[in-house]
Amino acid sequence: MSKAHDLGKKAENLAASYLQRSGYTLLAKNFRYLKAEVDLIVQKGETLVAVEVKARSLGFFVAPHEAVSYKKIQLLVDAIDYFVQSRGLEVEVRFDLITYIFNNKTWEMQHTEGAFYPFG
């Protein structure tokens, strides 16, 4: 495994723990549909949340939130639509972004609710 892959997996685990401590129920981790992968799918009340997790080392050129492209958003929307439809869920859907910056000792986290909208 590469160092970047290990950093990403650690960030996903941290995010899952954070969300569960915050009252969310973890429904799926690394959910795949066609070419899409949703890092975390969680639910709180009647809201289903697709969570994209991005991690970078301190000093990395691209900020984590800038790494979510329009194409990635389209893939996330398709995957979540399939997830909801295939399970017959009646929920509101939100797309969040959790970013981590690792500075060799600590993790700095930011959770942005409603980070992007599928239509517009």
N, C-alpha and C. Protein backbone atom coordinates (compact mmCIF):
# COMPACT_ATOMS: atom_id res chain seq x y z
N MET A 1 0.83 -1.18 0.00
CA MET A 1 0.00 0.00 0.00
C MET A 1 0.88 1.25 0.00
N SER A 2 0.44 2.26 -0.71
CA SER A 2 1.19 3.50 -0.76
C SER A 2 0.92 4.33 0.49
N LYS A 3 1.81 5.27 0.73
CA LYS A 3 1.65 6.16 1.88
C LYS A 3 0.37 6.99 1.76
N ALA A 4 0.06 7.46 0.54
CA ALA A 4 -1.15 8.25 0.32
C ALA A 4 -2.40 7.39 0.56
N HIS A 5 -2.38 6.15 0.12
CA HIS A 5 -3.51 5.24 0.33
C HIS A 5 -3.72 5.00 1.82
N ASP A 6 -2.62 4.76 2.55
CA ASP A 6 -2.71 4.54 3.99
C ASP A 6 -3.25 5.77 4.71
N LEU A 7 -2.83 6.95 4.26
CA LEU A 7 -3.32 8.21 4.84
C LEU A 7 -4.82 8.34 4.61
N GLY A 8 -5.27 8.01 3.40
CA GLY A 8 -6.69 8.08 3.07
C GLY A 8 -7.53 7.12 3.88
N LYS A 9 -7.06 5.89 4.05
CA LYS A 9 -7.79 4.89 4.82
C LYS A 9 -7.87 5.30 6.30
N LYS A 10 -6.79 5.83 6.84
CA LYS A 10 -6.79 6.30 8.23
C LYS A 10 -7.82 7.43 8.38
N ALA A 11 -7.85 8.36 7.42
CA ALA A 11 -8.81 9.47 7.47
C ALA A 11 -10.24 8.95 7.39
N GLU A 12 -10.51 7.97 6.55
CA GLU A 12 -11.86 7.39 6.47
C GLU A 12 -12.27 6.77 7.80
N ASN A 13 -11.35 6.08 8.45
CA ASN A 13 -11.65 5.47 9.75
C ASN A 13 -11.90 6.54 10.81
N LEU A 14 -11.10 7.60 10.79
CA LEU A 14 -11.31 8.71 11.73
C LEU A 14 -12.67 9.36 11.50
N ALA A 15 -13.01 9.57 10.23
CA ALA A 15 -14.29 10.20 9.89
C ALA A 15 -15.46 9.33 10.33
N ALA A 16 -15.37 8.03 10.09
CA ALA A 16 -16.45 7.12 10.50
C ALA A 16 -16.64 7.16 12.01
N SER A 17 -15.56 7.14 12.75
CA SER A 17 -15.65 7.22 14.22
C SER A 17 -16.25 8.54 14.66
N TYR A 18 -15.80 9.63 14.07
CA TYR A 18 -16.32 10.96 14.39
C TYR A 18 -17.84 11.02 14.15
N LEU A 19 -18.27 10.54 12.99
CA LEU A 19 -19.70 10.59 12.65
C LEU A 19 -20.53 9.73 13.60
N GLN A 20 -20.05 8.56 13.94
CA GLN A 20 -20.78 7.70 14.86
C GLN A 20 -20.87 8.34 16.24
N ARG A 21 -19.80 8.99 16.70
CA ARG A 21 -19.85 9.70 17.98
C ARG A 21 -20.81 10.89 17.92
N SER A 22 -21.05 11.40 16.71
CA SER A 22 -21.94 12.54 16.51
C SER A 22 -23.38 12.12 16.27
N GLY A 23 -23.68 10.84 16.44
CA GLY A 23 -25.05 10.36 16.36
C GLY A 23 -25.49 9.82 15.02
N TYR A 24 -24.59 9.67 14.08
CA TYR A 24 -24.91 9.09 12.78
C TYR A 24 -24.77 7.57 12.85
N THR A 25 -25.56 6.88 12.05
CA THR A 25 -25.46 5.43 11.91
C THR A 25 -24.71 5.15 10.61
N LEU A 26 -23.66 4.37 10.68
CA LEU A 26 -22.88 4.01 9.51
C LEU A 26 -23.62 2.92 8.73
N LEU A 27 -24.00 3.21 7.49
CA LEU A 27 -24.71 2.25 6.64
C LEU A 27 -23.78 1.53 5.68
N ALA A 28 -22.76 2.23 5.19
CA ALA A 28 -21.84 1.62 4.23
C ALA A 28 -20.52 2.37 4.23
N LYS A 29 -19.48 1.61 3.96
CA LYS A 29 -18.14 2.17 3.84
C LYS A 29 -17.59 1.73 2.50
N ASN A 30 -17.04 2.66 1.75
CA ASN A 30 -16.49 2.39 0.42
C ASN A 30 -17.51 1.70 -0.48
N PHE A 31 -18.72 2.26 -0.51
CA PHE A 31 -19.80 1.73 -1.34
C PHE A 31 -19.49 2.00 -2.82
N ARG A 32 -19.53 0.94 -3.61
CA ARG A 32 -19.22 1.05 -5.04
C ARG A 32 -20.46 0.84 -5.89
N TYR A 33 -20.54 1.68 -6.93
CA TYR A 33 -21.59 1.53 -7.94
C TYR A 33 -20.99 2.00 -9.25
N LEU A 34 -20.93 1.07 -10.22
CA LEU A 34 -20.29 1.33 -11.51
C LEU A 34 -18.90 1.92 -11.26
N LYS A 35 -18.64 3.15 -11.72
CA LYS A 35 -17.30 3.75 -11.55
C LYS A 35 -17.18 4.60 -10.30
N ALA A 36 -18.23 4.63 -9.50
CA ALA A 36 -18.24 5.50 -8.33
C ALA A 36 -17.89 4.74 -7.06
N GLU A 37 -17.31 5.47 -6.13
CA GLU A 37 -17.12 4.95 -4.78
C GLU A 37 -17.47 6.06 -3.80
N VAL A 38 -18.37 5.75 -2.89
CA VAL A 38 -18.74 6.69 -1.84
C VAL A 38 -18.00 6.25 -0.59
N ASP A 39 -17.19 7.13 -0.04
CA ASP A 39 -16.36 6.76 1.11
C ASP A 39 -17.21 6.28 2.28
N LEU A 40 -18.20 7.08 2.68
CA LEU A 40 -19.05 6.72 3.80
C LEU A 40 -20.50 7.09 3.48
N ILE A 41 -21.41 6.22 3.86
CA ILE A 41 -22.83 6.54 3.78
C ILE A 41 -23.36 6.37 5.20
N VAL A 42 -23.90 7.47 5.73
CA VAL A 42 -24.40 7.49 7.09
C VAL A 42 -25.81 8.03 7.11
N GLN A 43 -26.50 7.81 8.22
CA GLN A 43 -27.85 8.33 8.35
C GLN A 43 -28.06 8.85 9.76
N LYS A 44 -28.78 9.96 9.82
CA LYS A 44 -29.18 10.55 11.10
C LYS A 44 -30.61 11.02 10.91
N GLY A 45 -31.52 10.40 11.63
CA GLY A 45 -32.93 10.73 11.45
C GLY A 45 -33.37 10.34 10.05
N GLU A 46 -34.02 11.26 9.38
CA GLU A 46 -34.51 11.01 8.02
C GLU A 46 -33.55 11.51 6.94
N THR A 47 -32.30 11.79 7.33
CA THR A 47 -31.32 12.31 6.38
C THR A 47 -30.23 11.28 6.13
N LEU A 48 -30.07 10.93 4.87
CA LEU A 48 -28.99 10.06 4.42
C LEU A 48 -27.87 10.97 3.96
N VAL A 49 -26.66 10.69 4.38
CA VAL A 49 -25.53 11.55 4.05
C VAL A 49 -24.45 10.75 3.35
N ALA A 50 -24.10 11.21 2.15
CA ALA A 50 -22.96 10.67 1.42
C ALA A 50 -21.76 11.52 1.82
N VAL A 51 -20.73 10.89 2.32
CA VAL A 51 -19.58 11.62 2.84
C VAL A 51 -18.35 11.31 1.99
N GLU A 52 -17.77 12.35 1.44
CA GLU A 52 -16.50 12.24 0.74
C GLU A 52 -15.42 12.65 1.74
N VAL A 53 -14.42 11.79 1.90
CA VAL A 53 -13.33 12.06 2.84
C VAL A 53 -12.06 12.33 2.04
N LYS A 54 -11.42 13.45 2.34
CA LYS A 54 -10.17 13.81 1.68
C LYS A 54 -9.12 14.06 2.73
N ALA A 55 -7.93 13.55 2.49
CA ALA A 55 -6.82 13.74 3.42
C ALA A 55 -5.58 14.16 2.66
N ARG A 56 -4.82 15.04 3.28
CA ARG A 56 -3.56 15.51 2.70
C ARG A 56 -2.55 15.68 3.82
N SER A 57 -1.30 15.60 3.45
CA SER A 57 -0.24 15.95 4.38
C SER A 57 -0.07 17.46 4.36
N LEU A 58 0.41 18.01 5.45
CA LEU A 58 0.66 19.44 5.52
C LEU A 58 1.59 19.86 4.39
N GLY A 59 1.25 20.92 3.70
CA GLY A 59 2.08 21.42 2.61
C GLY A 59 1.74 20.85 1.25
N PHE A 60 0.73 19.98 1.17
CA PHE A 60 0.33 19.41 -0.11
C PHE A 60 -0.21 20.52 -0.99
N PHE A 61 0.08 20.49 -2.26
CA PHE A 61 -0.23 21.58 -3.19
C PHE A 61 -1.72 21.87 -3.31
N VAL A 62 -2.55 20.84 -3.43
CA VAL A 62 -3.99 21.03 -3.61
C VAL A 62 -4.69 20.84 -2.27
N ALA A 63 -5.52 21.80 -1.90
CA ALA A 63 -6.30 21.67 -0.67
C ALA A 63 -7.27 20.51 -0.83
N PRO A 64 -7.58 19.80 0.25
CA PRO A 64 -8.44 18.62 0.13
C PRO A 64 -9.78 18.90 -0.53
N HIS A 65 -10.42 20.01 -0.18
CA HIS A 65 -11.74 20.30 -0.74
C HIS A 65 -11.69 20.62 -2.23
N GLU A 66 -10.53 21.01 -2.73
CA GLU A 66 -10.38 21.30 -4.16
C GLU A 66 -10.22 20.03 -4.99
N ALA A 67 -10.08 18.90 -4.33
CA ALA A 67 -9.86 17.63 -5.04
C ALA A 67 -11.16 16.95 -5.43
N VAL A 68 -12.30 17.55 -5.12
CA VAL A 68 -13.59 16.97 -5.49
C VAL A 68 -14.06 17.65 -6.77
N SER A 69 -13.90 16.95 -7.87
CA SER A 69 -14.22 17.51 -9.18
C SER A 69 -15.70 17.39 -9.50
N TYR A 70 -16.12 18.09 -10.52
CA TYR A 70 -17.50 18.00 -10.99
C TYR A 70 -17.84 16.56 -11.38
N LYS A 71 -16.91 15.88 -12.03
CA LYS A 71 -17.11 14.49 -12.44
C LYS A 71 -17.30 13.59 -11.22
N LYS A 72 -16.50 13.82 -10.18
CA LYS A 72 -16.62 13.04 -8.94
C LYS A 72 -18.00 13.26 -8.32
N ILE A 73 -18.46 14.50 -8.32
CA ILE A 73 -19.79 14.80 -7.78
C ILE A 73 -20.86 14.06 -8.56
N GLN A 74 -20.76 14.05 -9.89
CA GLN A 74 -21.74 13.32 -10.72
C GLN A 74 -21.75 11.84 -10.36
N LEU A 75 -20.58 11.25 -10.18
CA LEU A 75 -20.48 9.83 -9.82
C LEU A 75 -21.09 9.56 -8.45
N LEU A 76 -20.84 10.47 -7.49
CA LEU A 76 -21.42 10.32 -6.15
C LEU A 76 -22.95 10.37 -6.21
N VAL A 77 -23.47 11.29 -7.00
CA VAL A 77 -24.93 11.43 -7.13
C VAL A 77 -25.53 10.15 -7.71
N ASP A 78 -24.90 9.61 -8.75
CA ASP A 78 -25.39 8.36 -9.35
C ASP A 78 -25.36 7.21 -8.35
N ALA A 79 -24.28 7.11 -7.59
CA ALA A 79 -24.15 6.02 -6.63
C ALA A 79 -25.18 6.13 -5.51
N ILE A 80 -25.39 7.34 -5.01
CA ILE A 80 -26.36 7.52 -3.93
C ILE A 80 -27.78 7.31 -4.44
N ASP A 81 -28.05 7.76 -5.65
CA ASP A 81 -29.37 7.51 -6.23
C ASP A 81 -29.63 6.01 -6.30
N TYR A 82 -28.65 5.25 -6.75
CA TYR A 82 -28.80 3.79 -6.80
C TYR A 82 -28.99 3.21 -5.40
N PHE A 83 -28.19 3.67 -4.44
CA PHE A 83 -28.28 3.18 -3.06
C PHE A 83 -29.68 3.40 -2.51
N VAL A 84 -30.22 4.58 -2.68
CA VAL A 84 -31.55 4.92 -2.15
C VAL A 84 -32.64 4.14 -2.87
N GLN A 85 -32.59 4.12 -4.21
CA GLN A 85 -33.62 3.44 -5.00
C GLN A 85 -33.63 1.93 -4.77
N SER A 86 -32.44 1.34 -4.72
CA SER A 86 -32.37 -0.13 -4.58
C SER A 86 -32.85 -0.61 -3.21
N ARG A 87 -32.86 0.28 -2.24
CA ARG A 87 -33.30 -0.08 -0.89
C ARG A 87 -34.69 0.48 -0.57
N GLY A 88 -35.27 1.19 -1.52
CA GLY A 88 -36.60 1.76 -1.33
C GLY A 88 -36.66 2.74 -0.17
N LEU A 89 -35.62 3.50 0.03
CA LEU A 89 -35.55 4.43 1.16
C LEU A 89 -36.33 5.70 0.88
N GLU A 90 -36.95 6.23 1.91
CA GLU A 90 -37.65 7.51 1.86
C GLU A 90 -36.88 8.47 2.75
N VAL A 91 -35.85 9.10 2.20
CA VAL A 91 -34.97 9.95 2.99
C VAL A 91 -34.60 11.21 2.22
N GLU A 92 -34.21 12.22 2.95
CA GLU A 92 -33.55 13.38 2.36
C GLU A 92 -32.10 12.98 2.16
N VAL A 93 -31.45 13.54 1.13
CA VAL A 93 -30.06 13.21 0.86
C VAL A 93 -29.22 14.48 0.94
N ARG A 94 -28.07 14.34 1.59
CA ARG A 94 -27.13 15.45 1.71
C ARG A 94 -25.74 14.93 1.36
N PHE A 95 -24.92 15.80 0.82
CA PHE A 95 -23.55 15.44 0.47
C PHE A 95 -22.60 16.27 1.32
N ASP A 96 -21.82 15.59 2.17
CA ASP A 96 -20.87 16.26 3.06
C ASP A 96 -19.45 15.97 2.62
N LEU A 97 -18.56 16.83 3.09
CA LEU A 97 -17.13 16.66 2.85
C LEU A 97 -16.43 16.75 4.19
N ILE A 98 -15.62 15.75 4.48
CA ILE A 98 -14.77 15.79 5.67
C ILE A 98 -13.33 15.78 5.18
N THR A 99 -12.60 16.80 5.60
CA THR A 99 -11.21 16.92 5.18
C THR A 99 -10.29 16.78 6.39
N TYR A 100 -9.15 16.18 6.15
CA TYR A 100 -8.13 16.04 7.17
C TYR A 100 -6.80 16.53 6.62
N ILE A 101 -6.10 17.27 7.44
CA ILE A 101 -4.72 17.65 7.15
C ILE A 101 -3.87 16.99 8.23
N PHE A 102 -2.90 16.19 7.81
CA PHE A 102 -2.02 15.50 8.74
C PHE A 102 -0.68 16.22 8.75
N ASN A 103 -0.22 16.61 9.94
CA ASN A 103 1.05 17.35 10.01
C ASN A 103 2.16 16.55 10.68
N ASN A 104 2.16 15.25 10.48
CA ASN A 104 3.16 14.32 11.03
C ASN A 104 2.94 13.97 12.50
N LYS A 105 2.03 14.68 13.17
CA LYS A 105 1.75 14.35 14.58
C LYS A 105 0.25 14.37 14.86
N THR A 106 -0.45 15.33 14.31
CA THR A 106 -1.87 15.48 14.61
C THR A 106 -2.68 15.58 13.32
N TRP A 107 -3.97 15.36 13.47
CA TRP A 107 -4.92 15.46 12.37
C TRP A 107 -5.80 16.68 12.60
N GLU A 108 -5.89 17.53 11.61
CA GLU A 108 -6.80 18.68 11.67
C GLU A 108 -7.99 18.34 10.78
N MET A 109 -9.20 18.35 11.36
CA MET A 109 -10.39 17.92 10.65
C MET A 109 -11.35 19.07 10.44
N GLN A 110 -12.02 19.05 9.29
CA GLN A 110 -13.10 19.99 9.01
C GLN A 110 -14.25 19.22 8.38
N HIS A 111 -15.46 19.41 8.93
CA HIS A 111 -16.66 18.75 8.40
C HIS A 111 -17.55 19.83 7.80
N THR A 112 -17.78 19.73 6.49
CA THR A 112 -18.64 20.67 5.79
C THR A 112 -19.92 19.96 5.40
N GLU A 113 -21.01 20.32 6.06
CA GLU A 113 -22.31 19.75 5.73
C GLU A 113 -22.85 20.44 4.49
N GLY A 114 -23.47 19.66 3.60
CA GLY A 114 -24.00 20.25 2.36
C GLY A 114 -22.90 20.89 1.54
N ALA A 115 -21.78 20.18 1.41
CA ALA A 115 -20.59 20.72 0.73
C ALA A 115 -20.84 21.01 -0.74
N PHE A 116 -21.71 20.24 -1.35
CA PHE A 116 -22.06 20.49 -2.76
C PHE A 116 -23.46 19.98 -3.00
N TYR A 117 -24.04 20.48 -4.05
CA TYR A 117 -25.42 20.13 -4.38
C TYR A 117 -25.44 19.41 -5.71
N PRO A 118 -26.23 18.36 -5.82
CA PRO A 118 -26.23 17.55 -7.04
C PRO A 118 -26.85 18.25 -8.24
N PHE A 119 -27.67 19.24 -8.00
CA PHE A 119 -28.33 19.91 -9.11
C PHE A 119 -28.03 21.39 -9.03
N GLY A 120 -27.49 21.94 -10.09
CA GLY A 120 -27.24 23.36 -10.07
C GLY A 120 -25.93 23.65 -10.53
